[in-house]
PDB file of N, CA and C in Angstrom:
ATOM      1  N   MET A   1       0.845  -1.160   0.000  1.00  0.00           N
ATOM      2  CA  MET A   1       0.000   0.000   0.000  1.00  0.00           C
ATOM      3  C   MET A   1       0.894   1.228   0.000  1.00  0.00           C
ATOM      4  N   ASN A   2       0.757   2.066  -0.970  1.00  0.00           N
ATOM      5  CA  ASN A   2       1.512   3.309  -1.048  1.00  0.00           C
ATOM      6  C   ASN A   2       0.613   4.466  -0.688  1.00  0.00           C
ATOM      7  N   ILE A   3       1.145   5.376   0.119  1.00  0.00           N
ATOM      8  CA  ILE A   3       0.405   6.568   0.516  1.00  0.00           C
ATOM      9  C   ILE A   3       1.189   7.765   0.010  1.00  0.00           C
ATOM     10  N   ASN A   4       0.564   8.566  -0.801  1.00  0.00           N
ATOM     11  CA  ASN A   4       1.235   9.737  -1.345  1.00  0.00           C
ATOM     12  C   ASN A   4       1.160  10.873  -0.342  1.00  0.00           C
ATOM     13  N   PRO A   5       2.237  11.644  -0.209  1.00  0.00           N
ATOM     14  CA  PRO A   5       2.236  12.757   0.745  1.00  0.00           C
ATOM     15  C   PRO A   5       1.301  13.869   0.275  1.00  0.00           C
ATOM     16  N   VAL A   6       0.824  14.636   1.237  1.00  0.00           N
ATOM     17  CA  VAL A   6      -0.017  15.788   0.926  1.00  0.00           C
ATOM     18  C   VAL A   6       0.896  16.918   0.474  1.00  0.00           C
ATOM     19  N   CYS A   7       0.548  17.549  -0.620  1.00  0.00           N
ATOM     20  CA  CYS A   7       1.372  18.644  -1.153  1.00  0.00           C
ATOM     21  C   CYS A   7       0.726  19.983  -0.814  1.00  0.00           C
ATOM     22  N   ASN A   8       1.502  20.833  -0.190  1.00  0.00           N
ATOM     23  CA  ASN A   8       1.040  22.188   0.115  1.00  0.00           C
ATOM     24  C   ASN A   8       1.706  23.162  -0.830  1.00  0.00           C
ATOM     25  N   ASP A   9       0.907  23.859  -1.604  1.00  0.00           N
ATOM     26  CA  ASP A   9       1.412  24.859  -2.559  1.00  0.00           C
ATOM     27  C   ASP A   9       2.428  24.267  -3.525  1.00  0.00           C
ATOM     28  N   GLY A  10       2.293  23.009  -3.862  1.00  0.00           N
ATOM     29  CA  GLY A  10       3.200  22.385  -4.817  1.00  0.00           C
ATOM     30  C   GLY A  10       4.579  22.104  -4.262  1.00  0.00           C
ATOM     31  N   ASN A  11       4.779  22.169  -2.942  1.00  0.00           N
ATOM     32  CA  ASN A  11       6.086  21.940  -2.339  1.00  0.00           C
ATOM     33  C   ASN A  11       6.231  20.489  -1.870  1.00  0.00           C
ATOM     34  N   CYS A  12       6.190  19.565  -2.769  1.00  0.00           N
ATOM     35  CA  CYS A  12       6.430  18.177  -2.392  1.00  0.00           C
ATOM     36  C   CYS A  12       7.173  17.477  -3.518  1.00  0.00           C
ATOM     37  N   ALA A  13       8.014  16.566  -3.146  1.00  0.00           N
ATOM     38  CA  ALA A  13       8.786  15.830  -4.140  1.00  0.00           C
ATOM     39  C   ALA A  13       7.929  14.703  -4.689  1.00  0.00           C
ATOM     40  N   ALA A  14       7.965  14.535  -5.985  1.00  0.00           N
ATOM     41  CA  ALA A  14       7.159  13.486  -6.613  1.00  0.00           C
ATOM     42  C   ALA A  14       7.691  12.100  -6.273  1.00  0.00           C
ATOM     43  N   THR A  15       8.942  12.018  -5.828  1.00  0.00           N
ATOM     44  CA  THR A  15       9.536  10.713  -5.527  1.00  0.00           C
ATOM     45  C   THR A  15       9.210  10.219  -4.133  1.00  0.00           C
ATOM     46  N   GLN A  16       8.632  11.079  -3.292  1.00  0.00           N
ATOM     47  CA  GLN A  16       8.321  10.673  -1.933  1.00  0.00           C
ATOM     48  C   GLN A  16       7.101   9.755  -1.916  1.00  0.00           C
ATOM     49  N   SER A  17       7.207   8.677  -1.190  1.00  0.00           N
ATOM     50  CA  SER A  17       6.038   7.845  -0.926  1.00  0.00           C
ATOM     51  C   SER A  17       6.280   7.132   0.392  1.00  0.00           C
ATOM     52  N   PHE A  18       5.227   6.803   1.070  1.00  0.00           N
ATOM     53  CA  PHE A  18       5.319   6.141   2.350  1.00  0.00           C
ATOM     54  C   PHE A  18       4.657   4.789   2.217  1.00  0.00           C
ATOM     55  N   LYS A  19       5.341   3.772   2.673  1.00  0.00           N
ATOM     56  CA  LYS A  19       4.802   2.425   2.565  1.00  0.00           C
ATOM     57  C   LYS A  19       4.244   2.006   3.913  1.00  0.00           C
ATOM     58  N   GLY A  20       3.049   1.454   3.909  1.00  0.00           N
ATOM     59  CA  GLY A  20       2.438   0.977   5.133  1.00  0.00           C
ATOM     60  C   GLY A  20       3.131  -0.279   5.627  1.00  0.00           C
ATOM     61  N   TYR A  21       2.904  -0.628   6.879  1.00  0.00           N
ATOM     62  CA  TYR A  21       3.520  -1.804   7.480  1.00  0.00           C
ATOM     63  C   TYR A  21       2.843  -3.073   6.980  1.00  0.00           C
ATOM     64  N   GLU A  22       3.639  -4.029   6.566  1.00  0.00           N
ATOM     65  CA  GLU A  22       3.119  -5.321   6.155  1.00  0.00           C
ATOM     66  C   GLU A  22       3.441  -6.326   7.250  1.00  0.00           C
ATOM     67  N   PRO A  23       2.419  -7.000   7.804  1.00  0.00           N
ATOM     68  CA  PRO A  23       2.674  -7.938   8.903  1.00  0.00           C
ATOM     69  C   PRO A  23       3.509  -9.119   8.453  1.00  0.00           C
ATOM     70  N   LYS A  24       4.307  -9.648   9.373  1.00  0.00           N
ATOM     71  CA  LYS A  24       5.157 -10.796   9.087  1.00  0.00           C
ATOM     72  C   LYS A  24       4.419 -12.110   9.291  1.00  0.00           C
ATOM     73  N   VAL A  25       3.346 -12.108  10.091  1.00  0.00           N
ATOM     74  CA  VAL A  25       2.562 -13.316  10.347  1.00  0.00           C
ATOM     75  C   VAL A  25       1.252 -13.193   9.578  1.00  0.00           C
ATOM     76  N   ASN A  26       1.077 -14.062   8.582  1.00  0.00           N
ATOM     77  CA  ASN A  26      -0.108 -14.022   7.740  1.00  0.00           C
ATOM     78  C   ASN A  26      -0.933 -15.275   7.952  1.00  0.00           C
ATOM     79  N   VAL A  27      -2.230 -15.111   8.132  1.00  0.00           N
ATOM     80  CA  VAL A  27      -3.142 -16.236   8.285  1.00  0.00           C
ATOM     81  C   VAL A  27      -3.777 -16.504   6.928  1.00  0.00           C
ATOM     82  N   VAL A  28      -3.632 -17.741   6.458  1.00  0.00           N
ATOM     83  CA  VAL A  28      -4.203 -18.143   5.180  1.00  0.00           C
ATOM     84  C   VAL A  28      -5.500 -18.892   5.469  1.00  0.00           C
ATOM     85  N   GLY A  29      -6.593 -18.414   4.941  1.00  0.00           N
ATOM     86  CA  GLY A  29      -7.877 -19.047   5.208  1.00  0.00           C
ATOM     87  C   GLY A  29      -8.400 -18.642   6.575  1.00  0.00           C
ATOM     88  N   LYS A  30      -9.164 -19.558   7.184  1.00  0.00           N
ATOM     89  CA  LYS A  30      -9.746 -19.282   8.499  1.00  0.00           C
ATOM     90  C   LYS A  30      -9.109 -20.186   9.548  1.00  0.00           C
ATOM     91  N   VAL A  31      -8.972 -19.636  10.739  1.00  0.00           N
ATOM     92  CA  VAL A  31      -8.480 -20.405  11.879  1.00  0.00           C
ATOM     93  C   VAL A  31      -9.521 -20.322  12.986  1.00  0.00           C
ATOM     94  N   ASP A  32      -9.502 -21.299  13.883  1.00  0.00           N
ATOM     95  CA  ASP A  32     -10.479 -21.282  14.978  1.00  0.00           C
ATOM     96  C   ASP A  32     -10.083 -20.262  16.043  1.00  0.00           C
ATOM     97  N   ASP A  33     -10.948 -20.109  17.019  1.00  0.00           N
ATOM     98  CA  ASP A  33     -10.738 -19.088  18.048  1.00  0.00           C
ATOM     99  C   ASP A  33      -9.477 -19.333  18.874  1.00  0.00           C
ATOM    100  N   TYR A  34      -9.165 -20.613  19.146  1.00  0.00           N
ATOM    101  CA  TYR A  34      -7.972 -20.940  19.940  1.00  0.00           C
ATOM    102  C   TYR A  34      -6.709 -20.482  19.219  1.00  0.00           C
ATOM    103  N   VAL A  35      -6.601 -20.819  17.943  1.00  0.00           N
ATOM    104  CA  VAL A  35      -5.408 -20.441  17.176  1.00  0.00           C
ATOM    105  C   VAL A  35      -5.317 -18.924  17.058  1.00  0.00           C
ATOM    106  N   GLN A  36      -6.441 -18.267  16.809  1.00  0.00           N
ATOM    107  CA  GLN A  36      -6.422 -16.806  16.704  1.00  0.00           C
ATOM    108  C   GLN A  36      -5.994 -16.168  18.014  1.00  0.00           C
ATOM    109  N   SER A  37      -6.478 -16.716  19.131  1.00  0.00           N
ATOM    110  CA  SER A  37      -6.089 -16.180  20.432  1.00  0.00           C
ATOM    111  C   SER A  37      -4.603 -16.390  20.698  1.00  0.00           C
ATOM    112  N   MET A  38      -4.062 -17.550  20.294  1.00  0.00           N
ATOM    113  CA  MET A  38      -2.630 -17.813  20.470  1.00  0.00           C
ATOM    114  C   MET A  38      -1.797 -16.887  19.577  1.00  0.00           C
ATOM    115  N   LEU A  39      -2.244 -16.667  18.355  1.00  0.00           N
ATOM    116  CA  LEU A  39      -1.534 -15.749  17.463  1.00  0.00           C
ATOM    117  C   LEU A  39      -1.567 -14.328  18.020  1.00  0.00           C
ATOM    118  N   ASP A  40      -2.683 -13.927  18.597  1.00  0.00           N
ATOM    119  CA  ASP A  40      -2.765 -12.598  19.206  1.00  0.00           C
ATOM    120  C   ASP A  40      -1.837 -12.488  20.411  1.00  0.00           C
ATOM    121  N   THR A  41      -1.765 -13.553  21.210  1.00  0.00           N
ATOM    122  CA  THR A  41      -0.931 -13.548  22.407  1.00  0.00           C
ATOM    123  C   THR A  41       0.552 -13.447  22.051  1.00  0.00           C
ATOM    124  N   TYR A  42       0.982 -14.224  21.059  1.00  0.00           N
ATOM    125  CA  TYR A  42       2.400 -14.291  20.701  1.00  0.00           C
ATOM    126  C   TYR A  42       2.760 -13.418  19.501  1.00  0.00           C
ATOM    127  N   ASN A  43       1.884 -12.529  19.091  1.00  0.00           N
ATOM    128  CA  ASN A  43       2.116 -11.749  17.876  1.00  0.00           C
ATOM    129  C   ASN A  43       3.414 -10.943  17.931  1.00  0.00           C
ATOM    130  N   ALA A  44       3.656 -10.238  19.014  1.00  0.00           N
ATOM    131  CA  ALA A  44       4.858  -9.394  19.109  1.00  0.00           C
ATOM    132  C   ALA A  44       6.131 -10.238  19.051  1.00  0.00           C
ATOM    133  N   GLN A  45       6.140 -11.364  19.766  1.00  0.00           N
ATOM    134  CA  GLN A  45       7.324 -12.226  19.762  1.00  0.00           C
ATOM    135  C   GLN A  45       7.543 -12.855  18.391  1.00  0.00           C
ATOM    136  N   LEU A  46       6.461 -13.294  17.745  1.00  0.00           N
ATOM    137  CA  LEU A  46       6.589 -13.911  16.426  1.00  0.00           C
ATOM    138  C   LEU A  46       7.043 -12.900  15.382  1.00  0.00           C
ATOM    139  N   GLU A  47       6.516 -11.682  15.449  1.00  0.00           N
ATOM    140  CA  GLU A  47       6.956 -10.634  14.528  1.00  0.00           C
ATOM    141  C   GLU A  47       8.446 -10.346  14.721  1.00  0.00           C
ATOM    142  N   GLY A  48       8.887 -10.328  15.974  1.00  0.00           N
ATOM    143  CA  GLY A  48      10.310 -10.102  16.259  1.00  0.00           C
ATOM    144  C   GLY A  48      11.181 -11.212  15.706  1.00  0.00           C
ATOM    145  N   GLN A  49      10.762 -12.454  15.897  1.00  0.00           N
ATOM    146  CA  GLN A  49      11.529 -13.590  15.362  1.00  0.00           C
ATOM    147  C   GLN A  49      11.549 -13.553  13.832  1.00  0.00           C
ATOM    148  N   ALA A  50      10.415 -13.244  13.220  1.00  0.00           N
ATOM    149  CA  ALA A  50      10.353 -13.170  11.759  1.00  0.00           C
ATOM    150  C   ALA A  50      11.278 -12.075  11.230  1.00  0.00           C
ATOM    151  N   ASN A  51      11.359 -10.969  11.934  1.00  0.00           N
ATOM    152  CA  ASN A  51      12.280  -9.901  11.526  1.00  0.00           C
ATOM    153  C   ASN A  51      13.730 -10.332  11.672  1.00  0.00           C
ATOM    154  N   LEU A  52      14.041 -11.076  12.741  1.00  0.00           N
ATOM    155  CA  LEU A  52      15.414 -11.556  12.926  1.00  0.00           C
ATOM    156  C   LEU A  52      15.859 -12.477  11.795  1.00  0.00           C
ATOM    157  N   TYR A  53      14.949 -13.364  11.388  1.00  0.00           N
ATOM    158  CA  TYR A  53      15.270 -14.320  10.325  1.00  0.00           C
ATOM    159  C   TYR A  53      14.949 -13.782   8.935  1.00  0.00           C
ATOM    160  N   LYS A  54      14.403 -12.576   8.865  1.00  0.00           N
ATOM    161  CA  LYS A  54      14.060 -11.919   7.599  1.00  0.00           C
ATOM    162  C   LYS A  54      13.135 -12.793   6.746  1.00  0.00           C
ATOM    163  N   ARG A  55      12.082 -13.304   7.381  1.00  0.00           N
ATOM    164  CA  ARG A  55      11.119 -14.173   6.697  1.00  0.00           C
ATOM    165  C   ARG A  55       9.702 -13.790   7.096  1.00  0.00           C
ATOM    166  N   ASN A  56       8.767 -14.158   6.244  1.00  0.00           N
ATOM    167  CA  ASN A  56       7.348 -14.030   6.568  1.00  0.00           C
ATOM    168  C   ASN A  56       6.845 -15.393   7.009  1.00  0.00           C
ATOM    169  N   ILE A  57       5.871 -15.411   7.894  1.00  0.00           N
ATOM    170  CA  ILE A  57       5.306 -16.657   8.405  1.00  0.00           C
ATOM    171  C   ILE A  57       3.879 -16.772   7.883  1.00  0.00           C
ATOM    172  N   ASN A  58       3.582 -17.890   7.230  1.00  0.00           N
ATOM    173  CA  ASN A  58       2.230 -18.175   6.780  1.00  0.00           C
ATOM    174  C   ASN A  58       1.667 -19.299   7.630  1.00  0.00           C
ATOM    175  N   VAL A  59       0.455 -19.086   8.139  1.00  0.00           N
ATOM    176  CA  VAL A  59      -0.193 -20.049   9.027  1.00  0.00           C
ATOM    177  C   VAL A  59      -1.538 -20.424   8.421  1.00  0.00           C
ATOM    178  N   ALA A  60      -1.801 -21.734   8.342  1.00  0.00           N
ATOM    179  CA  ALA A  60      -3.093 -22.225   7.855  1.00  0.00           C
ATOM    180  C   ALA A  60      -3.544 -23.358   8.762  1.00  0.00           C
ATOM    181  N   GLN A  61      -4.848 -23.522   8.876  1.00  0.00           N
ATOM    182  CA  GLN A  61      -5.376 -24.570   9.747  1.00  0.00           C
ATOM    183  C   GLN A  61      -6.344 -25.444   8.973  1.00  0.00           C
ATOM    184  N   LYS A  62      -6.224 -26.753   9.226  1.00  0.00           N
ATOM    185  CA  LYS A  62      -7.188 -27.718   8.706  1.00  0.00           C
ATOM    186  C   LYS A  62      -7.522 -28.655   9.855  1.00  0.00           C
ATOM    187  N   ASP A  63      -8.758 -28.650  10.273  1.00  0.00           N
ATOM    188  CA  ASP A  63      -9.234 -29.421  11.419  1.00  0.00           C
ATOM    189  C   ASP A  63      -8.390 -29.076  12.647  1.00  0.00           C
ATOM    190  N   LYS A  64      -7.718 -30.054  13.231  1.00  0.00           N
ATOM    191  CA  LYS A  64      -6.887 -29.817  14.423  1.00  0.00           C
ATOM    192  C   LYS A  64      -5.402 -29.795  14.089  1.00  0.00           C
ATOM    193  N   ALA A  65      -5.069 -29.501  12.844  1.00  0.00           N
ATOM    194  CA  ALA A  65      -3.675 -29.402  12.422  1.00  0.00           C
ATOM    195  C   ALA A  65      -3.387 -27.970  11.973  1.00  0.00           C
ATOM    196  N   LEU A  66      -2.284 -27.439  12.444  1.00  0.00           N
ATOM    197  CA  LEU A  66      -1.849 -26.101  12.070  1.00  0.00           C
ATOM    198  C   LEU A  66      -0.603 -26.236  11.212  1.00  0.00           C
ATOM    199  N   PHE A  67      -0.639 -25.665  10.015  1.00  0.00           N
ATOM    200  CA  PHE A  67       0.490 -25.728   9.098  1.00  0.00           C
ATOM    201  C   PHE A  67       1.195 -24.384   9.099  1.00  0.00           C
ATOM    202  N   VAL A  68       2.519 -24.437   9.280  1.00  0.00           N
ATOM    203  CA  VAL A  68       3.337 -23.230   9.368  1.00  0.00           C
ATOM    204  C   VAL A  68       4.383 -23.281   8.264  1.00  0.00           C
ATOM    205  N   ASN A  69       4.480 -22.200   7.485  1.00  0.00           N
ATOM    206  CA  ASN A  69       5.452 -22.143   6.407  1.00  0.00           C
ATOM    207  C   ASN A  69       6.145 -20.798   6.431  1.00  0.00           C
ATOM    208  N   SER A  70       7.476 -20.849   6.379  1.00  0.00           N
ATOM    209  CA  SER A  70       8.251 -19.615   6.279  1.00  0.00           C
ATOM    210  C   SER A  70       9.363 -19.772   5.256  1.00  0.00           C
ATOM    211  N   GLY A  71       9.185 -20.704   4.325  1.00  0.00           N
ATOM    212  CA  GLY A  71      10.193 -20.943   3.297  1.00  0.00           C
ATOM    213  C   GLY A  71       9.977 -22.293   2.641  1.00  0.00           C
ATOM    214  N   ALA A  72      11.053 -23.060   2.488  1.00  0.00           N
ATOM    215  CA  ALA A  72      10.978 -24.344   1.804  1.00  0.00           C
ATOM    216  C   ALA A  72      10.345 -25.431   2.665  1.00  0.00           C
ATOM    217  N   VAL A  73      10.488 -25.342   3.955  1.00  0.00           N
ATOM    218  CA  VAL A  73      10.005 -26.378   4.866  1.00  0.00           C
ATOM    219  C   VAL A  73       8.682 -25.938   5.487  1.00  0.00           C
ATOM    220  N   THR A  74       7.666 -26.801   5.382  1.00  0.00           N
ATOM    221  CA  THR A  74       6.379 -26.562   6.028  1.00  0.00           C
ATOM    222  C   THR A  74       6.263 -27.530   7.191  1.00  0.00           C
ATOM    223  N   SER A  75       5.906 -27.024   8.351  1.00  0.00           N
ATOM    224  CA  SER A  75       5.757 -27.897   9.513  1.00  0.00           C
ATOM    225  C   SER A  75       4.298 -27.968   9.933  1.00  0.00           C
ATOM    226  N   LYS A  76       3.980 -29.048  10.620  1.00  0.00           N
ATOM    227  CA  LYS A  76       2.615 -29.285  11.085  1.00  0.00           C
ATOM    228  C   LYS A  76       2.633 -29.337  12.601  1.00  0.00           C
ATOM    229  N   ILE A  77       1.740 -28.595  13.222  1.00  0.00           N
ATOM    230  CA  ILE A  77       1.581 -28.614  14.671  1.00  0.00           C
ATOM    231  C   ILE A  77       0.228 -29.248  14.957  1.00  0.00           C
ATOM    232  N   ASP A  78       0.254 -30.368  15.659  1.00  0.00           N
ATOM    233  CA  ASP A  78      -0.986 -31.052  16.025  1.00  0.00           C
ATOM    234  C   ASP A  78      -1.543 -30.386  17.275  1.00  0.00           C
ATOM    235  N   LEU A  79      -2.654 -29.703  17.128  1.00  0.00           N
ATOM    236  CA  LEU A  79      -3.213 -28.928  18.234  1.00  0.00           C
ATOM    237  C   LEU A  79      -3.730 -29.816  19.358  1.00  0.00           C
ATOM    238  N   LYS A  80      -4.076 -31.055  19.054  1.00  0.00           N
ATOM    239  CA  LYS A  80      -4.559 -31.964  20.093  1.00  0.00           C
ATOM    240  C   LYS A  80      -3.432 -32.416  21.008  1.00  0.00           C
ATOM    241  N   LYS A  81      -2.191 -32.357  20.535  1.00  0.00           N
ATOM    242  CA  LYS A  81      -1.048 -32.845  21.312  1.00  0.00           C
ATOM    243  C   LYS A  81      -0.277 -31.740  22.026  1.00  0.00           C
ATOM    244  N   LEU A  82      -0.762 -30.511  21.964  1.00  0.00           N
ATOM    245  CA  LEU A  82      -0.065 -29.420  22.648  1.00  0.00           C
ATOM    246  C   LEU A  82      -0.244 -29.560  24.156  1.00  0.00           C
ATOM    247  N   ASN A  83       0.869 -29.544  24.882  1.00  0.00           N
ATOM    248  CA  ASN A  83       0.819 -29.618  26.339  1.00  0.00           C
ATOM    249  C   ASN A  83       0.767 -28.239  26.973  1.00  0.00           C
ATOM    250  N   HIS A  84       1.501 -27.299  26.395  1.00  0.00           N
ATOM    251  CA  HIS A  84       1.590 -25.949  26.936  1.00  0.00           C
ATOM    252  C   HIS A  84       1.416 -24.951  25.802  1.00  0.00           C
ATOM    253  N   ALA A  85       1.012 -23.767  26.144  1.00  0.00           N
ATOM    254  CA  ALA A  85       0.864 -22.715  25.139  1.00  0.00           C
ATOM    255  C   ALA A  85       2.207 -22.375  24.501  1.00  0.00           C
ATOM    256  N   SER A  86       3.281 -22.541  25.245  1.00  0.00           N
ATOM    257  CA  SER A  86       4.600 -22.225  24.692  1.00  0.00           C
ATOM    258  C   SER A  86       4.992 -23.193  23.575  1.00  0.00           C
ATOM    259  N   ASP A  87       4.396 -24.399  23.535  1.00  0.00           N
ATOM    260  CA  ASP A  87       4.673 -25.339  22.448  1.00  0.00           C
ATOM    261  C   ASP A  87       4.188 -24.790  21.110  1.00  0.00           C
ATOM    262  N   PHE A  88       3.120 -24.021  21.132  1.00  0.00           N
ATOM    263  CA  PHE A  88       2.601 -23.368  19.932  1.00  0.00           C
ATOM    264  C   PHE A  88       3.654 -22.400  19.379  1.00  0.00           C
ATOM    265  N   TYR A  89       4.157 -21.549  20.244  1.00  0.00           N
ATOM    266  CA  TYR A  89       5.185 -20.571  19.872  1.00  0.00           C
ATOM    267  C   TYR A  89       6.460 -21.273  19.410  1.00  0.00           C
ATOM    268  N   LYS A  90       6.879 -22.292  20.155  1.00  0.00           N
ATOM    269  CA  LYS A  90       8.108 -23.019  19.839  1.00  0.00           C
ATOM    270  C   LYS A  90       8.020 -23.699  18.474  1.00  0.00           C
ATOM    271  N   GLY A  91       6.848 -24.233  18.132  1.00  0.00           N
ATOM    272  CA  GLY A  91       6.661 -24.886  16.836  1.00  0.00           C
ATOM    273  C   GLY A  91       6.839 -23.920  15.679  1.00  0.00           C
ATOM    274  N   ILE A  92       6.345 -22.710  15.841  1.00  0.00           N
ATOM    275  CA  ILE A  92       6.482 -21.713  14.778  1.00  0.00           C
ATOM    276  C   ILE A  92       7.927 -21.236  14.666  1.00  0.00           C
ATOM    277  N   VAL A  93       8.578 -21.019  15.801  1.00  0.00           N
ATOM    278  CA  VAL A  93       9.973 -20.569  15.786  1.00  0.00           C
ATOM    279  C   VAL A  93      10.886 -21.664  15.226  1.00  0.00           C
ATOM    280  N   ASP A  94      10.597 -22.929  15.529  1.00  0.00           N
ATOM    281  CA  ASP A  94      11.386 -24.033  14.956  1.00  0.00           C
ATOM    282  C   ASP A  94      11.289 -24.042  13.438  1.00  0.00           C
ATOM    283  N   ASN A  95      10.121 -23.710  12.899  1.00  0.00           N
ATOM    284  CA  ASN A  95       9.967 -23.636  11.456  1.00  0.00           C
ATOM    285  C   ASN A  95      10.820 -22.510  10.885  1.00  0.00           C
ATOM    286  N   LEU A  96      10.852 -21.371  11.556  1.00  0.00           N
ATOM    287  CA  LEU A  96      11.712 -20.262  11.117  1.00  0.00           C
ATOM    288  C   LEU A  96      13.183 -20.664  11.114  1.00  0.00           C
ATOM    289  N   LYS A  97      13.614 -21.328  12.189  1.00  0.00           N
ATOM    290  CA  LYS A  97      15.006 -21.751  12.288  1.00  0.00           C
ATOM    291  C   LYS A  97      15.352 -22.768  11.206  1.00  0.00           C
ATOM    292  N   ALA A  98      14.444 -23.714  10.973  1.00  0.00           N
ATOM    293  CA  ALA A  98      14.695 -24.741   9.950  1.00  0.00           C
ATOM    294  C   ALA A  98      14.820 -24.109   8.571  1.00  0.00           C
ATOM    295  N   ASN A  99      13.955 -23.174   8.254  1.00  0.00           N
ATOM    296  CA  ASN A  99      14.021 -22.541   6.937  1.00  0.00           C
ATOM    297  C   ASN A  99      15.232 -21.645   6.786  1.00  0.00           C
ATOM    298  N   SER A 100      15.743 -21.111   7.876  1.00  0.00           N
ATOM    299  CA  SER A 100      16.954 -20.292   7.774  1.00  0.00           C
ATOM    300  C   SER A 100      18.194 -21.159   7.563  1.00  0.00           C
ATOM    301  N   GLU A 101      18.121 -22.440   7.932  1.00  0.00           N
ATOM    302  CA  GLU A 101      19.262 -23.349   7.791  1.00  0.00           C
ATOM    303  C   GLU A 101      19.285 -24.094   6.461  1.00  0.00           C
ATOM    304  N   VAL A 102      18.232 -24.014   5.673  1.00  0.00           N
ATOM    305  CA  VAL A 102      18.159 -24.761   4.419  1.00  0.00           C
ATOM    306  C   VAL A 102      19.301 -24.391   3.489  1.00  0.00           C
ATOM    307  N   GLY A 103      19.595 -23.112   3.368  1.00  0.00           N
ATOM    308  CA  GLY A 103      20.637 -22.664   2.451  1.00  0.00           C
ATOM    309  C   GLY A 103      22.033 -23.093   2.849  1.00  0.00           C
ATOM    310  N   THR A 104      22.311 -23.197   4.136  1.00  0.00           N
ATOM    311  CA  THR A 104      23.666 -23.514   4.582  1.00  0.00           C
ATOM    312  C   THR A 104      23.864 -24.992   4.915  1.00  0.00           C
ATOM    313  N   LYS A 105      22.879 -25.602   5.564  1.00  0.00           N
ATOM    314  CA  LYS A 105      23.040 -26.985   6.012  1.00  0.00           C
ATOM    315  C   LYS A 105      22.352 -28.008   5.116  1.00  0.00           C
ATOM    316  N   GLY A 106      21.521 -27.549   4.216  1.00  0.00           N
ATOM    317  CA  GLY A 106      20.806 -28.451   3.340  1.00  0.00           C
ATOM    318  C   GLY A 106      19.422 -28.774   3.878  1.00  0.00           C
ATOM    319  N   LEU A 107      18.583 -29.271   2.996  1.00  0.00           N
ATOM    320  CA  LEU A 107      17.191 -29.524   3.334  1.00  0.00           C
ATOM    321  C   LEU A 107      17.028 -30.634   4.357  1.00  0.00           C
ATOM    322  N   GLU A 108      17.828 -31.686   4.249  1.00  0.00           N
ATOM    323  CA  GLU A 108      17.679 -32.828   5.157  1.00  0.00           C
ATOM    324  C   GLU A 108      17.977 -32.443   6.609  1.00  0.00           C
ATOM    325  N   LYS A 109      19.069 -31.733   6.852  1.00  0.00           N
ATOM    326  CA  LYS A 109      19.410 -31.326   8.218  1.00  0.00           C
ATOM    327  C   LYS A 109      18.431 -30.296   8.754  1.00  0.00           C
ATOM    328  N   ALA A 110      17.970 -29.398   7.894  1.00  0.00           N
ATOM    329  CA  ALA A 110      17.000 -28.404   8.330  1.00  0.00           C
ATOM    330  C   ALA A 110      15.674 -29.075   8.670  1.00  0.00           C
ATOM    331  N   PHE A 111      15.291 -30.060   7.883  1.00  0.00           N
ATOM    332  CA  PHE A 111      14.035 -30.762   8.110  1.00  0.00           C
ATOM    333  C   PHE A 111      14.090 -31.567   9.399  1.00  0.00           C
ATOM    334  N   SER A 112      15.271 -32.100   9.759  1.00  0.00           N
ATOM    335  CA  SER A 112      15.385 -32.898  10.965  1.00  0.00           C
ATOM    336  C   SER A 112      15.138 -32.072  12.228  1.00  0.00           C
ATOM    337  N   ARG A 113      15.240 -30.758  12.143  1.00  0.00           N
ATOM    338  CA  ARG A 113      14.994 -29.884  13.287  1.00  0.00           C
ATOM    339  C   ARG A 113      13.528 -29.951  13.734  1.00  0.00           C
ATOM    340  N   ILE A 114      12.617 -30.101  12.782  1.00  0.00           N
ATOM    341  CA  ILE A 114      11.203 -30.042  13.135  1.00  0.00           C
ATOM    342  C   ILE A 114      10.530 -31.409  13.207  1.00  0.00           C
ATOM    343  N   VAL A 115      11.235 -32.450  12.873  1.00  0.00           N
ATOM    344  CA  VAL A 115      10.629 -33.795  12.931  1.00  0.00           C
ATOM    345  C   VAL A 115      10.826 -34.412  14.284  1.00  0.00           C
TER     346      VAL A 115
END
């Protein structure tokens, strides 16, 4: 989204533009109330981690499975097997770490992080 500056008396540069903030955590499709509440709770931490790894996080839900993608590796978090709320956060961060290692360590070693 580009926002053009307001020009007063023609005193504005045509090259100036301001870009709105694009979130790093994107929800694809619909998620249930539990997942939305967890994303709201951990939003600041997840945005910070995504900025550190310079990646966007895509989250999608099908039944009781949450799919997280931030690159080549997609991970699945089984919502029925979560013991603590921090496991939700840890699963997403593990996906970020795995995708950041694909280029240097290879796909197999990066994939072993989340399995």
